[in-house]
Amino acid sequence: NGGHRRAVVPGPGGKPVRGDARINKVLTAV
């Protein structure tokens, strides 16, 4: 919500916004 970019542009060594556990929980619900 606090991000200002509209596009997803990860660079080398970029830090993910959400981890595997959170992504799996989101995918289960979806």
ModelCIF file with pLDDT and N, C-alpha, C, O atoms, coordinates in Angstrom:
data_MODEL
#
_entry.id   MODEL 
#
_entity.id                         1 
_entity.type                       polymer 
_entity.pdbx_number_of_molecules   1 
#
_entity_poly.entity_id                      1 
_entity_poly.type                           'polypeptide(L)' 
_entity_poly.nstd_linkage                   no 
_entity_poly.nstd_monomer                   no 
_entity_poly.pdbx_seq_one_letter_code       NGGHRRAVVPGPGGKPVRGDARINKVLTAV 
_entity_poly.pdbx_seq_one_letter_code_can   NGGHRRAVVPGPGGKPVRGDARINKVLTAV 
_entity_poly.pdbx_strand_id                 A 
#
loop_
_entity_poly_seq.entity_id 
_entity_poly_seq.num 
_entity_poly_seq.mon_id 
_entity_poly_seq.hetero 
1 1  ASN n 
1 2  GLY n 
1 3  GLY n 
1 4  HIS n 
1 5  ARG n 
1 6  ARG n 
1 7  ALA n 
1 8  VAL n 
1 9  VAL n 
1 10 PRO n 
1 11 GLY n 
1 12 PRO n 
1 13 GLY n 
1 14 GLY n 
1 15 LYS n 
1 16 PRO n 
1 17 VAL n 
1 18 ARG n 
1 19 GLY n 
1 20 ASP n 
1 21 ALA n 
1 22 ARG n 
1 23 ILE n 
1 24 ASN n 
1 25 LYS n 
1 26 VAL n 
1 27 LEU n 
1 28 THR n 
1 29 ALA n 
1 30 VAL n 
#
_struct_asym.id          A 
_struct_asym.entity_id   1 
#
loop_
_ma_qa_metric.id 
_ma_qa_metric.mode 
_ma_qa_metric.name 
_ma_qa_metric.software_group_id 
_ma_qa_metric.type 
1 global pLDDT . pLDDT 
2 local  pLDDT . pLDDT 
#
_ma_qa_metric_global.metric_id      1 
_ma_qa_metric_global.metric_value   76.83 
_ma_qa_metric_global.model_id       1 
_ma_qa_metric_global.ordinal_id     1 
#
loop_
_ma_qa_metric_local.label_asym_id 
_ma_qa_metric_local.label_comp_id 
_ma_qa_metric_local.label_seq_id 
_ma_qa_metric_local.metric_id 
_ma_qa_metric_local.metric_value 
_ma_qa_metric_local.model_id 
_ma_qa_metric_local.ordinal_id 
A ASN 1  2 58.00 1 1  
A GLY 2  2 50.00 1 2  
A GLY 3  2 50.00 1 3  
A HIS 4  2 52.00 1 4  
A ARG 5  2 53.00 1 5  
A ARG 6  2 59.00 1 6  
A ALA 7  2 59.00 1 7  
A VAL 8  2 59.00 1 8  
A VAL 9  2 61.00 1 9  
A PRO 10 2 62.00 1 10 
A GLY 11 2 63.00 1 11 
A PRO 12 2 66.00 1 12 
A GLY 13 2 68.00 1 13 
A GLY 14 2 73.00 1 14 
A LYS 15 2 80.00 1 15 
A PRO 16 2 84.00 1 16 
A VAL 17 2 84.00 1 17 
A ARG 18 2 89.00 1 18 
A GLY 19 2 89.00 1 19 
A ASP 20 2 92.00 1 20 
A ALA 21 2 95.00 1 21 
A ARG 22 2 94.00 1 22 
A ILE 23 2 95.00 1 23 
A ASN 24 2 95.00 1 24 
A LYS 25 2 96.00 1 25 
A VAL 26 2 96.00 1 26 
A LEU 27 2 96.00 1 27 
A THR 28 2 95.00 1 28 
A ALA 29 2 96.00 1 29 
A VAL 30 2 96.00 1 30 
#
loop_
_atom_site.group_PDB 
_atom_site.id 
_atom_site.type_symbol 
_atom_site.label_atom_id 
_atom_site.label_alt_id 
_atom_site.label_comp_id 
_atom_site.label_asym_id 
_atom_site.label_entity_id 
_atom_site.label_seq_id 
_atom_site.pdbx_PDB_ins_code 
_atom_site.Cartn_x 
_atom_site.Cartn_y 
_atom_site.Cartn_z 
_atom_site.occupancy 
_atom_site.B_iso_or_equiv 
_atom_site.pdbx_formal_charge 
_atom_site.auth_seq_id 
_atom_site.auth_comp_id 
_atom_site.auth_asym_id 
_atom_site.auth_atom_id 
_atom_site.pdbx_PDB_model_num 
ATOM 1   N N  . ASN A 1 1  ? 0.816  -1.219  0.000   1.00 58.00 ? 1  ASN A N  1 
ATOM 2   C CA . ASN A 1 1  ? 0.000  0.000   0.000   1.00 58.00 ? 1  ASN A CA 1 
ATOM 3   C C  . ASN A 1 1  ? 0.845  1.262   0.000   1.00 58.00 ? 1  ASN A C  1 
ATOM 4   O O  . ASN A 1 1  ? 0.435  2.279   -0.559  1.00 58.00 ? 1  ASN A O  1 
ATOM 5   N N  . GLY A 1 2  ? 2.021  1.213   0.619   1.00 50.00 ? 2  GLY A N  1 
ATOM 6   C CA . GLY A 1 2  ? 2.864  2.399   0.693   1.00 50.00 ? 2  GLY A CA 1 
ATOM 7   C C  . GLY A 1 2  ? 3.754  2.588   -0.517  1.00 50.00 ? 2  GLY A C  1 
ATOM 8   O O  . GLY A 1 2  ? 4.454  3.596   -0.618  1.00 50.00 ? 2  GLY A O  1 
ATOM 9   N N  . GLY A 1 3  ? 3.739  1.630   -1.442  1.00 50.00 ? 3  GLY A N  1 
ATOM 10  C CA . GLY A 1 3  ? 4.603  1.717   -2.617  1.00 50.00 ? 3  GLY A CA 1 
ATOM 11  C C  . GLY A 1 3  ? 4.145  2.790   -3.582  1.00 50.00 ? 3  GLY A C  1 
ATOM 12  O O  . GLY A 1 3  ? 2.950  3.058   -3.706  1.00 50.00 ? 3  GLY A O  1 
ATOM 13  N N  . HIS A 1 4  ? 5.088  3.397   -4.260  1.00 52.00 ? 4  HIS A N  1 
ATOM 14  C CA . HIS A 1 4  ? 4.744  4.453   -5.206  1.00 52.00 ? 4  HIS A CA 1 
ATOM 15  C C  . HIS A 1 4  ? 4.835  3.992   -6.656  1.00 52.00 ? 4  HIS A C  1 
ATOM 16  O O  . HIS A 1 4  ? 4.322  4.662   -7.552  1.00 52.00 ? 4  HIS A O  1 
ATOM 17  N N  . ARG A 1 5  ? 5.490  2.841   -6.897  1.00 53.00 ? 5  ARG A N  1 
ATOM 18  C CA . ARG A 1 5  ? 5.600  2.334   -8.258  1.00 53.00 ? 5  ARG A CA 1 
ATOM 19  C C  . ARG A 1 5  ? 4.324  1.612   -8.641  1.00 53.00 ? 5  ARG A C  1 
ATOM 20  O O  . ARG A 1 5  ? 3.675  0.995   -7.797  1.00 53.00 ? 5  ARG A O  1 
ATOM 21  N N  . ARG A 1 6  ? 3.968  1.687   -9.898  1.00 59.00 ? 6  ARG A N  1 
ATOM 22  C CA . ARG A 1 6  ? 2.807  0.952   -10.392 1.00 59.00 ? 6  ARG A CA 1 
ATOM 23  C C  . ARG A 1 6  ? 3.239  -0.317  -11.106 1.00 59.00 ? 6  ARG A C  1 
ATOM 24  O O  . ARG A 1 6  ? 2.456  -1.260  -11.230 1.00 59.00 ? 6  ARG A O  1 
ATOM 25  N N  . ALA A 1 7  ? 4.482  -0.346  -11.578 1.00 59.00 ? 7  ALA A N  1 
ATOM 26  C CA . ALA A 1 7  ? 4.991  -1.514  -12.297 1.00 59.00 ? 7  ALA A CA 1 
ATOM 27  C C  . ALA A 1 7  ? 5.879  -2.339  -11.374 1.00 59.00 ? 7  ALA A C  1 
ATOM 28  O O  . ALA A 1 7  ? 6.501  -1.816  -10.450 1.00 59.00 ? 7  ALA A O  1 
ATOM 29  N N  . VAL A 1 8  ? 5.924  -3.629  -11.643 1.00 59.00 ? 8  VAL A N  1 
ATOM 30  C CA . VAL A 1 8  ? 6.789  -4.531  -10.887 1.00 59.00 ? 8  VAL A CA 1 
ATOM 31  C C  . VAL A 1 8  ? 8.135  -4.571  -11.589 1.00 59.00 ? 8  VAL A C  1 
ATOM 32  O O  . VAL A 1 8  ? 8.239  -5.075  -12.707 1.00 59.00 ? 8  VAL A O  1 
ATOM 33  N N  . VAL A 1 9  ? 9.179  -4.037  -10.934 1.00 61.00 ? 9  VAL A N  1 
ATOM 34  C CA . VAL A 1 9  ? 10.498 -3.977  -11.549 1.00 61.00 ? 9  VAL A CA 1 
ATOM 35  C C  . VAL A 1 9  ? 11.545 -4.393  -10.515 1.00 61.00 ? 9  VAL A C  1 
ATOM 36  O O  . VAL A 1 9  ? 12.246 -3.534  -9.979  1.00 61.00 ? 9  VAL A O  1 
ATOM 37  N N  . PRO A 1 10 ? 11.667 -5.700  -10.222 1.00 62.00 ? 10 PRO A N  1 
ATOM 38  C CA . PRO A 1 10 ? 12.688 -6.118  -9.266  1.00 62.00 ? 10 PRO A CA 1 
ATOM 39  C C  . PRO A 1 10 ? 14.063 -6.092  -9.928  1.00 62.00 ? 10 PRO A C  1 
ATOM 40  O O  . PRO A 1 10 ? 14.211 -6.507  -11.078 1.00 62.00 ? 10 PRO A O  1 
ATOM 41  N N  . GLY A 1 11 ? 15.031 -5.623  -9.229  1.00 63.00 ? 11 GLY A N  1 
ATOM 42  C CA . GLY A 1 11 ? 16.395 -5.600  -9.751  1.00 63.00 ? 11 GLY A CA 1 
ATOM 43  C C  . GLY A 1 11 ? 17.212 -6.720  -9.140  1.00 63.00 ? 11 GLY A C  1 
ATOM 44  O O  . GLY A 1 11 ? 16.730 -7.443  -8.268  1.00 63.00 ? 11 GLY A O  1 
ATOM 45  N N  . PRO A 1 12 ? 18.431 -6.864  -9.589  1.00 66.00 ? 12 PRO A N  1 
ATOM 46  C CA . PRO A 1 12 ? 19.302 -7.885  -9.016  1.00 66.00 ? 12 PRO A CA 1 
ATOM 47  C C  . PRO A 1 12 ? 19.461 -7.677  -7.512  1.00 66.00 ? 12 PRO A C  1 
ATOM 48  O O  . PRO A 1 12 ? 19.757 -6.572  -7.058  1.00 66.00 ? 12 PRO A O  1 
ATOM 49  N N  . GLY A 1 13 ? 19.267 -8.728  -6.758  1.00 68.00 ? 13 GLY A N  1 
ATOM 50  C CA . GLY A 1 13 ? 19.382 -8.631  -5.307  1.00 68.00 ? 13 GLY A CA 1 
ATOM 51  C C  . GLY A 1 13 ? 18.208 -7.949  -4.643  1.00 68.00 ? 13 GLY A C  1 
ATOM 52  O O  . GLY A 1 13 ? 18.257 -7.655  -3.448  1.00 68.00 ? 13 GLY A O  1 
ATOM 53  N N  . GLY A 1 14 ? 17.131 -7.686  -5.411  1.00 73.00 ? 14 GLY A N  1 
ATOM 54  C CA . GLY A 1 14 ? 15.955 -7.045  -4.839  1.00 73.00 ? 14 GLY A CA 1 
ATOM 55  C C  . GLY A 1 14 ? 15.335 -7.886  -3.749  1.00 73.00 ? 14 GLY A C  1 
ATOM 56  O O  . GLY A 1 14 ? 15.415 -9.114  -3.787  1.00 73.00 ? 14 GLY A O  1 
ATOM 57  N N  . LYS A 1 15 ? 14.726 -7.248  -2.792  1.00 80.00 ? 15 LYS A N  1 
ATOM 58  C CA . LYS A 1 15 ? 14.103 -7.943  -1.666  1.00 80.00 ? 15 LYS A CA 1 
ATOM 59  C C  . LYS A 1 15 ? 12.609 -8.124  -1.952  1.00 80.00 ? 15 LYS A C  1 
ATOM 60  O O  . LYS A 1 15 ? 11.909 -7.148  -2.219  1.00 80.00 ? 15 LYS A O  1 
ATOM 61  N N  . PRO A 1 16 ? 12.117 -9.370  -1.899  1.00 84.00 ? 16 PRO A N  1 
ATOM 62  C CA . PRO A 1 16 ? 10.692 -9.604  -2.152  1.00 84.00 ? 16 PRO A CA 1 
ATOM 63  C C  . PRO A 1 16 ? 9.806  -8.855  -1.149  1.00 84.00 ? 16 PRO A C  1 
ATOM 64  O O  . PRO A 1 16 ? 10.178 -8.662  0.009   1.00 84.00 ? 16 PRO A O  1 
ATOM 65  N N  . VAL A 1 17 ? 8.647  -8.446  -1.617  1.00 84.00 ? 17 VAL A N  1 
ATOM 66  C CA . VAL A 1 17 ? 7.692  -7.736  -0.764  1.00 84.00 ? 17 VAL A CA 1 
ATOM 67  C C  . VAL A 1 17 ? 6.985  -8.714  0.169   1.00 84.00 ? 17 VAL A C  1 
ATOM 68  O O  . VAL A 1 17 ? 6.728  -8.393  1.329   1.00 84.00 ? 17 VAL A O  1 
ATOM 69  N N  . ARG A 1 18 ? 6.672  -9.896  -0.333  1.00 89.00 ? 18 ARG A N  1 
ATOM 70  C CA . ARG A 1 18 ? 6.001  -10.932 0.455   1.00 89.00 ? 18 ARG A CA 1 
ATOM 71  C C  . ARG A 1 18 ? 6.814  -12.223 0.368   1.00 89.00 ? 18 ARG A C  1 
ATOM 72  O O  . ARG A 1 18 ? 7.397  -12.536 -0.670  1.00 89.00 ? 18 ARG A O  1 
ATOM 73  N N  . GLY A 1 19 ? 6.842  -12.957 1.462   1.00 89.00 ? 19 GLY A N  1 
ATOM 74  C CA . GLY A 1 19 ? 7.559  -14.224 1.507   1.00 89.00 ? 19 GLY A CA 1 
ATOM 75  C C  . GLY A 1 19 ? 6.710  -15.390 1.040   1.00 89.00 ? 19 GLY A C  1 
ATOM 76  O O  . GLY A 1 19 ? 5.525  -15.232 0.744   1.00 89.00 ? 19 GLY A O  1 
ATOM 77  N N  . ASP A 1 20 ? 7.326  -16.564 0.976   1.00 92.00 ? 20 ASP A N  1 
ATOM 78  C CA . ASP A 1 20 ? 6.639  -17.761 0.494   1.00 92.00 ? 20 ASP A CA 1 
ATOM 79  C C  . ASP A 1 20 ? 5.407  -18.114 1.321   1.00 92.00 ? 20 ASP A C  1 
ATOM 80  O O  . ASP A 1 20 ? 4.361  -18.450 0.765   1.00 92.00 ? 20 ASP A O  1 
ATOM 81  N N  . ALA A 1 21 ? 5.525  -18.040 2.641   1.00 95.00 ? 21 ALA A N  1 
ATOM 82  C CA . ALA A 1 21 ? 4.400  -18.409 3.499   1.00 95.00 ? 21 ALA A CA 1 
ATOM 83  C C  . ALA A 1 21 ? 3.190  -17.503 3.238   1.00 95.00 ? 21 ALA A C  1 
ATOM 84  O O  . ALA A 1 21 ? 2.066  -17.990 3.122   1.00 95.00 ? 21 ALA A O  1 
ATOM 85  N N  . ARG A 1 22 ? 3.413  -16.208 3.148   1.00 94.00 ? 22 ARG A N  1 
ATOM 86  C CA . ARG A 1 22 ? 2.313  -15.261 2.899   1.00 94.00 ? 22 ARG A CA 1 
ATOM 87  C C  . ARG A 1 22 ? 1.707  -15.496 1.517   1.00 94.00 ? 22 ARG A C  1 
ATOM 88  O O  . ARG A 1 22 ? 0.486  -15.483 1.366   1.00 94.00 ? 22 ARG A O  1 
ATOM 89  N N  . ILE A 1 23 ? 2.544  -15.707 0.519   1.00 95.00 ? 23 ILE A N  1 
ATOM 90  C CA . ILE A 1 23 ? 2.046  -15.952 -0.837  1.00 95.00 ? 23 ILE A CA 1 
ATOM 91  C C  . ILE A 1 23 ? 1.208  -17.220 -0.871  1.00 95.00 ? 23 ILE A C  1 
ATOM 92  O O  . ILE A 1 23 ? 0.159  -17.244 -1.516  1.00 95.00 ? 23 ILE A O  1 
ATOM 93  N N  . ASN A 1 24 ? 1.647  -18.275 -0.190  1.00 95.00 ? 24 ASN A N  1 
ATOM 94  C CA . ASN A 1 24 ? 0.868  -19.514 -0.157  1.00 95.00 ? 24 ASN A CA 1 
ATOM 95  C C  . ASN A 1 24 ? -0.489 -19.322 0.505   1.00 95.00 ? 24 ASN A C  1 
ATOM 96  O O  . ASN A 1 24 ? -1.485 -19.891 0.060   1.00 95.00 ? 24 ASN A O  1 
ATOM 97  N N  . LYS A 1 25 ? -0.532 -18.526 1.563   1.00 96.00 ? 25 LYS A N  1 
ATOM 98  C CA . LYS A 1 25 ? -1.814 -18.252 2.228   1.00 96.00 ? 25 LYS A CA 1 
ATOM 99  C C  . LYS A 1 25 ? -2.751 -17.478 1.305   1.00 96.00 ? 25 LYS A C  1 
ATOM 100 O O  . LYS A 1 25 ? -3.945 -17.771 1.240   1.00 96.00 ? 25 LYS A O  1 
ATOM 101 N N  . VAL A 1 26 ? -2.216 -16.501 0.600   1.00 96.00 ? 26 VAL A N  1 
ATOM 102 C CA . VAL A 1 26 ? -3.023 -15.720 -0.343  1.00 96.00 ? 26 VAL A CA 1 
ATOM 103 C C  . VAL A 1 26 ? -3.551 -16.636 -1.446  1.00 96.00 ? 26 VAL A C  1 
ATOM 104 O O  . VAL A 1 26 ? -4.733 -16.579 -1.784  1.00 96.00 ? 26 VAL A O  1 
ATOM 105 N N  . LEU A 1 27 ? -2.690 -17.473 -2.003  1.00 96.00 ? 27 LEU A N  1 
ATOM 106 C CA . LEU A 1 27 ? -3.108 -18.368 -3.084  1.00 96.00 ? 27 LEU A CA 1 
ATOM 107 C C  . LEU A 1 27 ? -4.164 -19.364 -2.632  1.00 96.00 ? 27 LEU A C  1 
ATOM 108 O O  . LEU A 1 27 ? -5.075 -19.687 -3.396  1.00 96.00 ? 27 LEU A O  1 
ATOM 109 N N  . THR A 1 28 ? -4.057 -19.852 -1.409  1.00 95.00 ? 28 THR A N  1 
ATOM 110 C CA . THR A 1 28 ? -5.076 -20.774 -0.880  1.00 95.00 ? 28 THR A CA 1 
ATOM 111 C C  . THR A 1 28 ? -6.443 -20.108 -0.866  1.00 95.00 ? 28 THR A C  1 
ATOM 112 O O  . THR A 1 28 ? -7.430 -20.688 -1.318  1.00 95.00 ? 28 THR A O  1 
ATOM 113 N N  . ALA A 1 29 ? -6.495 -18.891 -0.345  1.00 96.00 ? 29 ALA A N  1 
ATOM 114 C CA . ALA A 1 29 ? -7.773 -18.165 -0.275  1.00 96.00 ? 29 ALA A CA 1 
ATOM 115 C C  . ALA A 1 29 ? -8.309 -17.844 -1.665  1.00 96.00 ? 29 ALA A C  1 
ATOM 116 O O  . ALA A 1 29 ? -9.509 -17.972 -1.910  1.00 96.00 ? 29 ALA A O  1 
ATOM 117 N N  . VAL A 1 30 ? -7.434 -17.427 -2.575  1.00 96.00 ? 30 VAL A N  1 
ATOM 118 C CA . VAL A 1 30 ? -7.870 -17.061 -3.920  1.00 96.00 ? 30 VAL A CA 1 
ATOM 119 C C  . VAL A 1 30 ? -8.393 -18.293 -4.654  1.00 96.00 ? 30 VAL A C  1 
ATOM 120 O O  . VAL A 1 30 ? -8.810 -18.193 -5.808  1.00 96.00 ? 30 VAL A O  1 
#
